[in-house]
Structures are given as structure tokens and as C-alpha cells.
Amino acid sequence: MKKNDIQSLPQLAQDFLYHMDDSKSQLTVVEYASDLRTFFRWIAFAFELVPSDTPVDEVDLRACVDKDIIARINCKTAERFIFDCKENGNNPRTCARKKTVLRQFFRYLAAQESMFDGRNPMSELKTPGTGKSLPKYLTLEECRTLLAEVTGRFAERDYCMLIFFLNCGMRLSELVNLNLRDVRIDGTCRIKGKGNKERTIYLNDACLAALERYLKVRPQEGLRVDDRDALFISRNKRRINARSVELVLEKYLKASDLDGMGYSVHKLRHTAATLMYQHDVDILQLKDILGHENLATTEIYTHVVSEQLRAAVDANPLNQEGVTQKKPDHANENNPANIK
């Protein structure tokens, strides 16, 4: 994460983010920094540290929020902040994330900075259930439609990236960080996931074929020293970045008439996981392929299939017609089984 992303925060918040940088993904650290920035801006106005008419983005957090101010913050303060977030339209999942950030930040202050007598003042800040939604994914037919639209100057590269997403369930950050040396001669691929944890996956025939076609046209000349080992190269002959990959997908979703349906690069990861589980991949194997730390994270795909089965039964035309059993003429009116 770039230092400029967090240097506007109070020093203790900066120390916390640099402390967690080695154990969390870059995206997570960026999200934590954003949530802490929102919180301390709220503190600046709630504690009347700045005039009430000060533009929010002009609040100098480093100047007005010091260690003494942070020491005044308690659980009730945080609860009022979360209440205001809800009033401003934050959904339950976003509020839950903010609570998690605050609990971890104040745990750090108690343990590493010896504040609050070593006790986390946010330990009683509860995170309610957020009502996990089932992951959104493309159907098999939609995947085929999407892939069929890949054309143009960078077709081999774009097709290879989409195939990797749809067959291996890679995260966006994992794909853009792939290097040539990560793909081994035995058909395996080394992936560096969240928290710099490495895992090895096997590339199937579709991935290997797409990779072979791409490597034949992958730029070899004009690459910067830092980008020479990058697997996927941009039009500017540099390692492709996350936003460029997102734009590539958006282009082909539009060409496939699949835009506007909420699909994204991360939904391709959900698609790969769902299709594998639907075709009898063991849940423990799927956990390892996706690089999940906890099995509970992977088990959401079992619920996807359950919902599909429920929908299939509900789609039965007899269900739509409300068929009821006709009582046989010889039914015994006194039979207990006939009581309604």
C-alpha cells in the first residue's frame, strides 16, 4: 500500500496500519485506512476539534486528533458513530466492517501502545449478523457466451485471463501478480494469496491451452526491468494492473449482453467455485483451491447448490397449479389420519 494512502491519518492509526500490513492483503489495509479516516473525521466534529463549517476533506487529522483525544474515545462513542453511519445510508455489512476495524485498532492500542490499561474499550462493540447473501455467479452458458466474445488485438491475453478466473477461481490481485516463473513445467501454478500466503493449484487443459496461445504473442521487447517476469502484460508493456483487468471484463460483458447484471471480476471467482462444487469437487479440495483460511467461507457454495435445488422443485409446473389430493370416496371420515 502506498504511504500517501495513510499519511493523512493520526500517527497512532498510521502505526496500526503499518503494523498489520504484513498480515493483511493490500486491499484490506486500504479499506481499514478508509474506515479509520471516516471515523476520525467524525471524531473531529463530534469532539468539536474543528469549526462545524469546515469542509470534511480539509480536516487535518494529524493536527487535531492526537493520543490524548484518542484516549477519550470509548465504546459509546463508537456506537454513536455507527448509528450516524446507518443514518447516512451505510448498509449492515459496511457497518459491521467498521466495527471490526475499530475493535482491531483499539485492541492494537491496548496491547502495543499500553493504552486503556491494556483493555480494549471496543470489546463490547458487538457485530450483528449481516445476513450473508449467496454469491452471484455466471451460469455455464453465460461463461461460454462471454468467452465467445473475446476478440481483438489482445484476444489471446484476455482469453487466458478469463480462463484462469473461470477455471481456477483466482482473486484479481492474485492474477495481476502472477509471474512467468510461477507457472511450472509440471502444469502447476504458484499463487500468492491474502497475507502473502502461497498455495499451488493445477492448471487444467483449458488453462494450459490458453496459456500456450498467449505466450506465443506475449511481448518480449520493451519491457521495464521490474515487469519482465510479469505474466500478463498491458498495452503499455507493463505488468497489467487490476483496473485494466476490470475494464477488459466490462468490455466483454457488454459485448455479451451480460452487462448491468452485477457481474464483476470477483464474480468470476464465485463462478469457478460454484461450477466446481456443482460438478462434485469435494468441499475441502475447493477450500484449498480457493485459498480460504476457514472452511466456513467455502461452505457458502453448498448453500448455492441448495438454493438451486429448492428453485428447481419450486419450478415444477404442478407447484404452480396448486394441485390438491382428491379425497377417495371410500375414505373413513373417522380415520385420525384424515383429520386436518
Protein backbone atom coordinates (compact mmCIF):
# COMPACT_ATOMS: atom_id res chain seq x y z
CA MET A 1 0.00 0.00 0.00
CA LYS A 2 1.27 3.48 -0.84
CA LYS A 3 2.29 5.59 2.15
CA ASN A 4 0.29 8.52 0.81
CA ASP A 5 -2.88 6.49 1.36
CA ILE A 6 -2.48 6.62 5.14
CA GLN A 7 -0.21 9.58 5.91
CA SER A 8 -3.21 11.86 6.42
CA LEU A 9 -4.31 9.79 9.43
CA PRO A 10 -3.35 10.35 13.08
CA GLN A 11 0.06 8.88 13.88
CA LEU A 12 -1.35 6.03 16.00
CA ALA A 13 -3.61 4.98 13.13
CA GLN A 14 -0.65 5.03 10.76
CA ASP A 15 1.36 2.87 13.16
CA PHE A 16 -1.54 0.40 13.37
CA LEU A 17 -1.89 0.10 9.59
CA TYR A 18 1.83 -0.42 9.05
CA HIS A 19 1.76 -2.99 11.85
CA MET A 20 -0.99 -5.00 10.14
CA ASP A 21 0.38 -4.56 6.61
CA ASP A 22 2.32 -7.83 6.75
CA SER A 23 -0.65 -9.95 7.82
CA LYS A 24 -3.43 -8.49 5.67
CA SER A 25 -3.93 -8.07 1.94
CA GLN A 26 -3.30 -4.66 0.41
CA LEU A 27 -7.00 -4.24 -0.32
CA THR A 28 -7.88 -4.93 3.33
CA VAL A 29 -5.36 -2.36 4.59
CA VAL A 30 -6.74 0.23 2.17
CA GLU A 31 -10.29 -0.46 3.39
CA TYR A 32 -9.18 -0.19 7.04
CA ALA A 33 -7.47 3.14 6.27
CA SER A 34 -10.64 4.45 4.65
CA ASP A 35 -12.81 3.40 7.59
CA LEU A 36 -10.42 4.94 10.12
CA ARG A 37 -10.32 8.17 8.10
CA THR A 38 -14.12 8.33 8.18
CA PHE A 39 -14.14 7.62 11.91
CA PHE A 40 -11.57 10.27 12.84
CA ARG A 41 -13.23 12.89 10.66
CA TRP A 42 -16.43 12.13 12.57
CA ILE A 43 -14.47 12.44 15.85
CA ALA A 44 -13.10 15.83 14.78
CA PHE A 45 -16.62 17.22 14.50
CA ALA A 46 -18.17 15.26 17.39
CA PHE A 47 -15.45 16.44 19.80
CA GLU A 48 -15.58 19.96 18.31
CA LEU A 49 -11.93 19.86 17.33
CA VAL A 50 -12.64 21.89 14.18
CA PRO A 51 -15.26 24.53 13.31
CA SER A 52 -18.54 22.94 12.27
CA ASP A 53 -18.40 24.57 8.82
CA THR A 54 -15.01 23.05 7.95
CA PRO A 55 -15.17 21.01 4.71
CA VAL A 56 -14.74 17.35 5.60
CA ASP A 57 -11.86 16.76 3.22
CA GLU A 58 -9.97 19.73 4.69
CA VAL A 59 -9.84 18.38 8.23
CA ASP A 60 -6.20 17.93 9.25
CA LEU A 61 -6.45 14.71 11.26
CA ARG A 62 -2.78 14.63 12.18
CA ALA A 63 -3.05 18.07 13.73
CA CYS A 64 -6.32 17.75 15.63
CA VAL A 65 -6.50 14.08 16.66
CA ASP A 66 -3.62 13.16 18.94
CA LYS A 67 -3.07 10.43 21.53
CA ASP A 68 -4.94 12.35 24.23
CA ILE A 69 -8.01 12.71 22.02
CA ILE A 70 -7.96 9.02 21.12
CA ALA A 71 -7.72 8.16 24.82
CA ARG A 72 -11.10 9.87 25.33
CA ILE A 73 -12.86 7.57 22.88
CA ASN A 74 -14.97 4.79 24.37
CA CYS A 75 -17.49 2.19 23.25
CA LYS A 76 -20.42 4.60 23.45
CA THR A 77 -18.55 7.00 21.18
CA ALA A 78 -18.14 4.24 18.62
CA GLU A 79 -21.81 3.26 18.90
CA ARG A 80 -22.86 6.84 18.12
CA PHE A 81 -20.52 6.82 15.13
CA ILE A 82 -22.03 3.58 13.81
CA PHE A 83 -25.54 4.98 14.35
CA ASP A 84 -24.66 8.02 12.23
CA CYS A 85 -23.19 5.73 9.55
CA LYS A 86 -26.51 3.88 9.40
CA GLU A 87 -28.40 7.17 9.19
CA ASN A 88 -26.17 8.16 6.27
CA GLY A 89 -27.09 5.04 4.32
CA ASN A 90 -24.35 2.55 5.22
CA ASN A 91 -25.66 -1.00 4.85
CA PRO A 92 -25.32 -3.58 7.66
CA ARG A 93 -22.28 -5.21 6.08
CA THR A 94 -20.42 -1.89 5.84
CA CYS A 95 -21.28 -1.02 9.44
CA ALA A 96 -20.11 -4.45 10.56
CA ARG A 97 -16.79 -3.90 8.82
CA LYS A 98 -16.35 -0.53 10.52
CA LYS A 99 -16.97 -2.18 13.89
CA THR A 100 -14.36 -4.81 13.10
CA VAL A 101 -11.82 -2.12 12.18
CA LEU A 102 -12.46 -0.22 15.41
CA ARG A 103 -12.17 -3.34 17.56
CA GLN A 104 -8.87 -4.29 15.95
CA PHE A 105 -7.46 -0.77 16.10
CA PHE A 106 -8.26 -0.32 19.79
CA ARG A 107 -7.02 -3.84 20.56
CA TYR A 108 -3.73 -2.77 19.00
CA LEU A 109 -3.67 0.41 21.12
CA ALA A 110 -4.29 -1.57 24.30
CA ALA A 111 -1.71 -4.27 23.55
CA GLN A 112 1.01 -2.42 21.63
CA GLU A 113 0.69 1.16 22.89
CA SER A 114 -0.24 0.30 26.51
CA MET A 115 -3.36 2.47 26.38
CA PHE A 116 -6.68 1.95 28.23
CA ASP A 117 -4.88 -0.02 30.97
CA GLY A 118 -4.34 -2.83 28.49
CA ARG A 119 -8.07 -3.42 27.97
CA ASN A 120 -9.73 -2.99 24.61
CA PRO A 121 -12.53 -0.43 25.12
CA MET A 122 -14.27 -1.76 21.99
CA SER A 123 -14.51 -5.34 23.23
CA GLU A 124 -18.23 -4.83 23.87
CA LEU A 125 -18.87 -3.33 20.45
CA LYS A 126 -20.96 -6.12 19.02
CA THR A 127 -21.17 -7.02 15.36
CA PRO A 128 -24.71 -8.20 14.50
CA GLY A 129 -25.34 -10.79 11.86
CA THR A 130 -25.25 -9.19 8.44
CA GLY A 131 -27.41 -11.74 6.69
CA LYS A 132 -24.88 -13.24 4.32
CA SER A 133 -26.09 -13.18 0.76
CA LEU A 134 -25.36 -16.01 -1.61
CA PRO A 135 -22.57 -15.29 -4.08
CA LYS A 136 -23.60 -14.14 -7.53
CA TYR A 137 -22.16 -16.13 -10.42
CA LEU A 138 -22.44 -16.74 -14.15
CA THR A 139 -24.14 -19.84 -15.47
CA LEU A 140 -22.16 -22.25 -17.61
CA GLU A 141 -23.93 -20.97 -20.73
CA GLU A 142 -23.17 -17.37 -19.78
CA CYS A 143 -19.49 -18.30 -19.38
CA ARG A 144 -19.45 -19.74 -22.87
CA THR A 145 -21.17 -16.65 -24.25
CA LEU A 146 -18.64 -14.41 -22.53
CA LEU A 147 -15.62 -16.33 -23.82
CA ALA A 148 -17.02 -16.40 -27.35
CA GLU A 149 -16.88 -12.59 -27.47
CA VAL A 150 -13.13 -12.34 -26.83
CA THR A 151 -11.59 -10.84 -29.94
CA GLY A 152 -9.20 -8.09 -30.94
CA ARG A 153 -5.53 -7.21 -30.63
CA PHE A 154 -5.19 -8.65 -27.11
CA ALA A 155 -7.55 -11.58 -27.57
CA GLU A 156 -5.04 -14.26 -26.52
CA ARG A 157 -4.15 -12.40 -23.33
CA ASP A 158 -7.74 -11.52 -22.45
CA TYR A 159 -8.98 -15.04 -23.13
CA CYS A 160 -6.20 -16.51 -20.98
CA MET A 161 -7.05 -14.19 -18.07
CA LEU A 162 -10.74 -15.04 -18.22
CA ILE A 163 -9.98 -18.75 -18.46
CA PHE A 164 -7.75 -18.52 -15.38
CA PHE A 165 -10.51 -16.76 -13.44
CA LEU A 166 -13.23 -19.16 -14.52
CA ASN A 167 -11.22 -22.37 -14.08
CA CYS A 168 -9.01 -21.62 -11.09
CA GLY A 169 -11.08 -19.17 -9.05
CA MET A 170 -8.19 -16.72 -8.69
CA ARG A 171 -8.61 -13.40 -6.96
CA LEU A 172 -7.95 -10.29 -9.04
CA SER A 173 -4.85 -9.42 -7.01
CA GLU A 174 -3.54 -12.96 -7.46
CA LEU A 175 -3.88 -12.86 -11.24
CA VAL A 176 -2.20 -9.49 -11.79
CA ASN A 177 0.71 -10.54 -9.55
CA LEU A 178 1.39 -13.78 -11.45
CA ASN A 179 4.91 -14.13 -12.80
CA LEU A 180 6.25 -16.33 -15.57
CA ARG A 181 8.23 -18.35 -13.04
CA ASP A 182 5.04 -19.08 -11.10
CA VAL A 183 3.85 -21.38 -13.90
CA ARG A 184 5.83 -24.60 -13.67
CA ILE A 185 6.64 -27.20 -16.25
CA ASP A 186 4.54 -29.80 -14.42
CA GLY A 187 1.36 -27.78 -15.09
CA THR A 188 1.09 -26.31 -11.61
CA CYS A 189 0.89 -22.65 -10.73
CA ARG A 190 2.12 -20.93 -7.59
CA ILE A 191 -0.24 -18.26 -6.28
CA LYS A 192 0.44 -15.69 -3.60
CA GLY A 193 -2.84 -15.02 -1.84
CA LYS A 194 -4.04 -12.99 1.12
CA GLY A 195 -1.42 -12.29 3.75
CA ASN A 196 1.28 -13.38 1.27
CA LYS A 197 0.25 -16.99 1.83
CA GLU A 198 1.29 -19.21 -1.05
CA ARG A 199 -0.64 -22.11 -2.50
CA THR A 200 -0.23 -24.32 -5.53
CA ILE A 201 -3.02 -25.09 -7.98
CA TYR A 202 -3.12 -27.36 -11.01
CA LEU A 203 -3.86 -25.78 -14.36
CA ASN A 204 -6.34 -27.83 -16.36
CA ASP A 205 -6.18 -28.41 -20.12
CA ALA A 206 -8.19 -25.29 -20.91
CA CYS A 207 -5.80 -23.12 -18.89
CA LEU A 208 -2.70 -24.71 -20.39
CA ALA A 209 -4.00 -24.35 -23.96
CA ALA A 210 -4.96 -20.70 -23.41
CA LEU A 211 -1.61 -20.02 -21.78
CA GLU A 212 0.30 -21.60 -24.65
CA ARG A 213 -1.52 -19.42 -27.19
CA TYR A 214 -0.92 -16.28 -25.12
CA LEU A 215 2.78 -16.90 -24.53
CA LYS A 216 3.34 -17.05 -28.29
CA VAL A 217 2.25 -13.41 -28.59
CA ARG A 218 3.25 -12.07 -25.17
CA PRO A 219 5.54 -9.02 -25.61
CA GLN A 220 9.21 -9.79 -25.14
CA GLU A 221 10.82 -6.46 -26.01
CA GLY A 222 10.45 -3.02 -24.49
CA LEU A 223 9.52 -4.26 -21.02
CA ARG A 224 10.78 -2.49 -17.91
CA VAL A 225 13.19 -4.48 -15.75
CA ASP A 226 10.56 -4.74 -12.98
CA ASP A 227 7.95 -6.08 -15.42
CA ARG A 228 9.95 -8.58 -17.43
CA ASP A 229 8.78 -11.52 -15.32
CA ALA A 230 5.12 -10.43 -15.20
CA LEU A 231 2.85 -12.99 -16.83
CA PHE A 232 0.15 -10.63 -18.08
CA ILE A 233 1.37 -7.51 -19.89
CA SER A 234 -0.63 -4.36 -20.61
CA ARG A 235 -0.83 -2.47 -23.88
CA ASN A 236 1.86 -0.17 -22.44
CA LYS A 237 4.19 -3.15 -22.00
CA ARG A 238 3.99 -3.12 -18.23
CA ARG A 239 2.50 -5.55 -15.72
CA ILE A 240 -1.24 -5.29 -16.17
CA ASN A 241 -2.99 -3.64 -13.24
CA ALA A 242 -6.24 -4.51 -11.53
CA ARG A 243 -8.28 -1.70 -13.08
CA SER A 244 -7.19 -2.69 -16.59
CA VAL A 245 -8.40 -6.24 -15.97
CA GLU A 246 -11.73 -4.92 -14.73
CA LEU A 247 -12.09 -2.84 -17.90
CA VAL A 248 -11.30 -5.89 -20.03
CA LEU A 249 -14.10 -7.83 -18.35
CA GLU A 250 -16.53 -4.92 -18.62
CA LYS A 251 -15.82 -4.73 -22.36
CA TYR A 252 -16.69 -8.40 -22.95
CA LEU A 253 -19.67 -8.37 -20.60
CA LYS A 254 -21.13 -5.56 -22.69
CA ALA A 255 -20.39 -7.41 -25.92
CA SER A 256 -22.14 -10.47 -24.47
CA ASP A 257 -25.21 -8.50 -23.32
CA LEU A 258 -24.30 -9.51 -19.76
CA ASP A 259 -23.58 -6.00 -18.51
CA GLY A 260 -25.86 -4.44 -15.93
CA MET A 261 -26.32 -7.79 -14.18
CA GLY A 262 -23.91 -7.15 -11.32
CA TYR A 263 -21.11 -9.32 -12.67
CA SER A 264 -17.53 -8.40 -11.81
CA VAL A 265 -14.07 -9.95 -11.74
CA HIS A 266 -14.74 -11.27 -8.24
CA LYS A 267 -17.96 -12.84 -9.50
CA LEU A 268 -15.81 -14.90 -11.89
CA ARG A 269 -14.13 -16.37 -8.81
CA HIS A 270 -17.58 -17.20 -7.42
CA THR A 271 -18.47 -18.72 -10.78
CA ALA A 272 -15.44 -21.02 -10.77
CA ALA A 273 -16.14 -22.15 -7.21
CA THR A 274 -19.83 -22.77 -7.87
CA LEU A 275 -19.25 -24.72 -11.07
CA MET A 276 -16.61 -26.89 -9.42
CA TYR A 277 -18.86 -27.66 -6.47
CA GLN A 278 -21.78 -28.40 -8.79
CA HIS A 279 -19.60 -30.94 -10.56
CA ASP A 280 -18.68 -32.87 -7.42
CA VAL A 281 -15.46 -31.20 -6.30
CA ASP A 282 -15.04 -32.00 -2.60
CA ILE A 283 -15.57 -29.01 -0.31
CA LEU A 284 -12.16 -29.50 1.34
CA GLN A 285 -10.47 -29.59 -2.05
CA LEU A 286 -12.37 -26.46 -3.07
CA LYS A 287 -11.17 -24.72 0.10
CA ASP A 288 -7.55 -25.40 -0.87
CA ILE A 289 -8.07 -24.34 -4.49
CA LEU A 290 -9.61 -21.03 -3.47
CA GLY A 291 -7.09 -20.40 -0.70
CA HIS A 292 -9.70 -19.96 2.02
CA GLU A 293 -8.37 -19.94 5.55
CA ASN A 294 -11.61 -21.23 7.08
CA LEU A 295 -13.90 -23.95 5.78
CA ALA A 296 -16.93 -21.86 6.73
CA THR A 297 -16.01 -19.39 3.98
CA THR A 298 -16.07 -22.15 1.39
CA GLU A 299 -19.30 -23.70 2.66
CA ILE A 300 -21.35 -20.84 1.23
CA TYR A 301 -21.13 -22.65 -2.12
CA THR A 302 -23.01 -25.60 -0.63
CA HIS A 303 -25.84 -23.17 0.10
CA VAL A 304 -25.79 -22.00 -3.51
CA VAL A 305 -26.48 -25.53 -4.71
CA SER A 306 -29.16 -25.99 -2.05
CA GLU A 307 -30.91 -22.86 -3.27
CA GLN A 308 -30.73 -24.14 -6.84
CA LEU A 309 -32.34 -27.42 -5.81
CA ARG A 310 -35.08 -25.53 -3.99
CA ALA A 311 -35.67 -23.34 -7.06
CA ALA A 312 -35.81 -26.43 -9.28
CA VAL A 313 -38.51 -28.00 -7.13
CA ASP A 314 -40.44 -24.73 -6.96
CA ALA A 315 -40.32 -24.53 -10.78
CA ASN A 316 -42.26 -27.78 -11.14
CA PRO A 317 -45.47 -26.84 -13.01
CA LEU A 318 -47.55 -28.83 -10.57
CA ASN A 319 -46.37 -26.48 -7.87
CA GLN A 320 -47.75 -23.55 -9.83
CA GLU A 321 -51.19 -25.08 -10.22
CA GLY A 322 -51.77 -25.76 -6.55
CA VAL A 323 -52.77 -29.40 -7.09
CA THR A 324 -54.55 -30.90 -4.09
CA GLN A 325 -55.29 -34.52 -3.46
CA LYS A 326 -58.87 -35.54 -4.06
CA LYS A 327 -60.33 -37.42 -1.15
CA PRO A 328 -61.12 -41.03 -2.10
CA ASP A 329 -64.80 -41.95 -1.97
CA HIS A 330 -64.09 -44.78 0.46
CA ALA A 331 -62.09 -42.64 2.91
CA ASN A 332 -63.00 -43.20 6.53
CA GLU A 333 -64.10 -39.87 7.96
CA ASN A 334 -63.14 -41.08 11.44
CA ASN A 335 -59.59 -42.12 10.49
CA PRO A 336 -57.20 -39.97 12.59
CA ALA A 337 -55.00 -39.59 9.51
CA ASN A 338 -57.82 -37.73 7.83
CA ILE A 339 -58.02 -35.05 10.48
CA LYS A 340 -56.95 -31.62 9.21
